[in-house]
Protein backbone atom coordinates (compact mmCIF):
# COMPACT_ATOMS: atom_id res chain seq x y z
CA MET A 1 -4.01 -3.49 -23.84
CA TYR A 2 -5.84 -0.93 -25.72
CA ILE A 3 -3.91 2.37 -27.69
CA ARG A 4 -5.00 5.41 -28.50
CA GLN A 5 -3.63 8.95 -29.95
CA SER A 6 -6.00 11.82 -30.11
CA THR A 7 -5.75 12.84 -33.20
CA PRO A 8 -4.17 11.58 -36.73
CA GLN A 9 -1.36 14.64 -35.85
CA GLN A 10 -0.07 13.27 -32.46
CA VAL A 11 0.14 10.02 -34.20
CA GLU A 12 2.44 11.69 -36.55
CA ARG A 13 3.91 13.91 -34.15
CA HIS A 14 3.69 11.87 -31.70
CA GLN A 15 5.24 8.37 -32.53
CA GLU A 16 7.49 8.63 -28.84
CA SER A 17 4.01 7.75 -26.54
CA THR A 18 2.79 5.33 -29.65
CA ARG A 19 6.16 3.98 -28.89
CA LEU A 20 5.30 3.68 -25.81
CA GLN A 21 2.51 2.11 -25.40
CA TYR A 22 3.31 -0.46 -27.60
CA ALA A 23 6.08 -1.05 -25.23
CA LEU A 24 3.52 -2.34 -22.84
CA VAL A 25 3.54 -6.10 -24.08
CA GLU A 26 6.68 -6.43 -22.20
CA ARG A 27 5.22 -4.89 -18.72
CA ALA A 28 2.50 -7.07 -19.11
CA CYS A 29 5.06 -10.29 -19.70
CA GLN A 30 6.15 -9.03 -16.48
CA PHE A 31 3.15 -9.42 -14.59
CA GLY A 32 3.40 -13.34 -15.66
CA TRP A 33 0.41 -12.69 -18.86
CA ALA A 34 1.97 -15.12 -21.73
CA ARG A 35 2.69 -12.62 -24.83
CA ASP A 36 0.43 -14.81 -27.08
CA ALA A 37 -2.65 -14.11 -24.35
CA ILE A 38 -2.35 -10.22 -24.88
CA VAL A 39 -4.58 -8.60 -27.99
CA VAL A 40 -3.39 -5.33 -28.60
CA ILE A 41 -6.25 -3.28 -29.18
CA ASP A 42 -5.34 0.00 -32.01
CA ASP A 43 -8.04 0.31 -33.92
CA ASP A 44 -8.37 4.29 -32.30
CA LEU A 45 -5.28 5.73 -33.21
CA GLY A 46 -6.16 8.97 -34.21
CA HIS A 47 -9.94 8.99 -32.30
CA THR A 48 -10.60 11.33 -29.94
CA GLY A 49 -11.72 10.19 -26.56
CA SER A 50 -14.06 12.47 -26.02
CA THR A 51 -16.83 10.01 -27.25
CA VAL A 52 -17.34 6.49 -27.77
CA GLU A 53 -19.06 6.85 -31.17
CA GLY A 54 -16.92 5.95 -33.75
CA ARG A 55 -14.18 4.01 -31.14
CA LEU A 56 -14.58 0.94 -32.27
CA GLY A 57 -11.08 -0.63 -30.63
CA PHE A 58 -12.75 0.95 -27.10
CA GLN A 59 -16.45 -0.90 -27.66
CA ARG A 60 -14.47 -3.93 -28.12
CA LEU A 61 -12.28 -3.78 -24.95
CA VAL A 62 -15.50 -3.34 -23.31
CA ALA A 63 -16.99 -6.32 -24.98
CA GLU A 64 -14.12 -8.20 -24.86
CA VAL A 65 -14.30 -7.51 -20.34
CA SER A 66 -17.70 -8.08 -20.31
CA LEU A 67 -17.31 -11.20 -21.75
CA GLY A 68 -14.43 -11.99 -19.43
CA ARG A 69 -12.18 -12.58 -21.36
CA VAL A 70 -10.09 -9.71 -19.97
CA GLY A 71 -7.81 -10.39 -17.03
CA LEU A 72 -5.83 -6.94 -17.59
CA VAL A 73 -6.38 -3.77 -18.93
CA LEU A 74 -3.31 -1.94 -19.28
CA GLY A 75 -2.07 1.58 -20.36
CA ILE A 76 0.15 4.76 -19.81
CA GLU A 77 -2.24 7.02 -18.15
CA MET A 78 -6.10 4.88 -17.48
CA SER A 79 -7.94 8.15 -16.68
CA ARG A 80 -7.12 9.33 -20.06
CA LEU A 81 -8.37 6.58 -21.71
CA ALA A 82 -11.71 7.34 -22.77
CA ARG A 83 -12.37 11.37 -22.03
CA SER A 84 -15.73 11.08 -21.34
CA CYS A 85 -16.74 10.27 -17.36
CA LEU A 86 -19.83 8.31 -18.29
CA ASP A 87 -17.50 6.09 -20.96
CA TRP A 88 -14.90 5.67 -17.98
CA HIS A 89 -17.23 4.60 -15.75
CA GLN A 90 -18.98 1.96 -17.08
CA LEU A 91 -15.63 0.49 -18.18
CA LEU A 92 -14.57 0.67 -14.65
CA GLU A 93 -17.76 -0.63 -13.53
CA ILE A 94 -17.48 -3.86 -16.14
CA CYS A 95 -14.08 -4.04 -14.76
CA ALA A 96 -15.22 -4.17 -11.33
CA VAL A 97 -18.13 -6.73 -12.51
CA PHE A 98 -15.90 -8.96 -14.26
CA ASP A 99 -12.67 -8.95 -11.62
CA THR A 100 -10.46 -7.09 -14.38
CA LEU A 101 -7.65 -5.76 -13.21
CA ILE A 102 -6.60 -2.01 -14.63
CA ALA A 103 -2.50 -0.92 -14.45
CA ASP A 104 -1.13 2.00 -15.42
CA PRO A 105 3.05 2.95 -14.84
CA GLU A 106 1.87 4.27 -11.33
CA GLY A 107 0.43 0.51 -10.14
CA VAL A 108 -2.26 -2.34 -10.53
CA TYR A 109 -5.97 -1.89 -9.66
CA ASP A 110 -8.32 -4.17 -8.49
CA PRO A 111 -11.99 -2.19 -8.72
CA ALA A 112 -13.96 -5.61 -7.72
CA GLY A 113 -12.01 -6.19 -5.14
CA CYS A 114 -10.91 -2.94 -3.84
CA TYR A 115 -12.95 -0.32 -2.96
CA ASN A 116 -9.99 2.64 -2.69
CA ASP A 117 -8.73 1.49 -6.25
CA ARG A 118 -12.08 2.58 -7.73
CA LEU A 119 -11.93 6.19 -6.20
CA LEU A 120 -8.59 6.76 -6.80
CA LEU A 121 -8.93 5.75 -10.51
CA GLY A 122 -12.35 8.02 -10.55
CA LEU A 123 -10.61 10.82 -8.64
CA LYS A 124 -7.77 10.58 -10.95
CA ALA A 125 -10.39 10.65 -14.41
CA THR A 126 -11.75 13.87 -13.37
CA ILE A 127 -8.37 15.93 -12.04
CA VAL A 128 -7.69 15.05 -15.65
CA ARG A 129 -10.93 15.85 -17.31
CA GLY A 130 -10.38 19.54 -15.92
CA GLY A 131 -13.30 18.78 -13.26
CA THR A 132 -11.44 20.29 -10.42
CA PRO A 133 -10.66 24.13 -10.16
CA TYR A 134 -7.07 23.72 -10.03
CA SER A 135 -7.44 21.82 -13.21
CA GLN A 136 -9.74 24.22 -14.68
CA SER A 137 -7.77 27.48 -13.46
CA LYS A 138 -4.10 25.69 -15.34
CA ASN A 139 -6.33 24.84 -18.48
CA ALA A 140 -7.44 28.70 -18.75
CA GLY A 141 -4.11 29.72 -18.75
CA SER A 142 -2.60 27.38 -21.45
CA ALA A 143 -2.48 28.66 -24.59
CA ASP A 144 -4.13 25.90 -26.20
CA GLY A 145 -7.06 25.37 -23.47
CA GLN A 146 -5.12 22.24 -22.15
CA GLY A 147 -2.69 22.88 -19.70
CA ALA A 148 0.45 21.66 -20.63
CA ALA A 149 0.98 19.69 -16.76
CA TRP A 150 -2.95 17.51 -17.83
CA ARG A 151 -1.21 16.72 -21.17
CA ALA A 152 -0.51 12.75 -21.42
CA GLY A 153 0.53 11.76 -24.90
């Protein structure tokens, strides 16, 4: 389980989001994983997801998936796991190669066995990053340039 908030201020001010992310351990148990088999990677609390540089937790996650040690990557909103499309699609591809499931509150996705799951996860990431005319217009109208409709946590 990978846990991240973008800035130290978010970690301090949005403690509910952090609590919800840690609560995903229970969700993994509901999926059938033994509690002692669940690894929480929270090294990147307070680090932006715009690049993999300096994000030791994300690098560890990619490495663990690449070694075939991960059966499920679980998060609140998986498409925001990495703000860089390159980093996100690299993880998505590695999950497909090593038969690692991806799950969020909306569902469980199998990037190895279901092309539609990979397509959906890719589209969700593009929308969150402002890659569509609709999301760009929403972002342009917000005071901080992010658009509350696209903000998670």
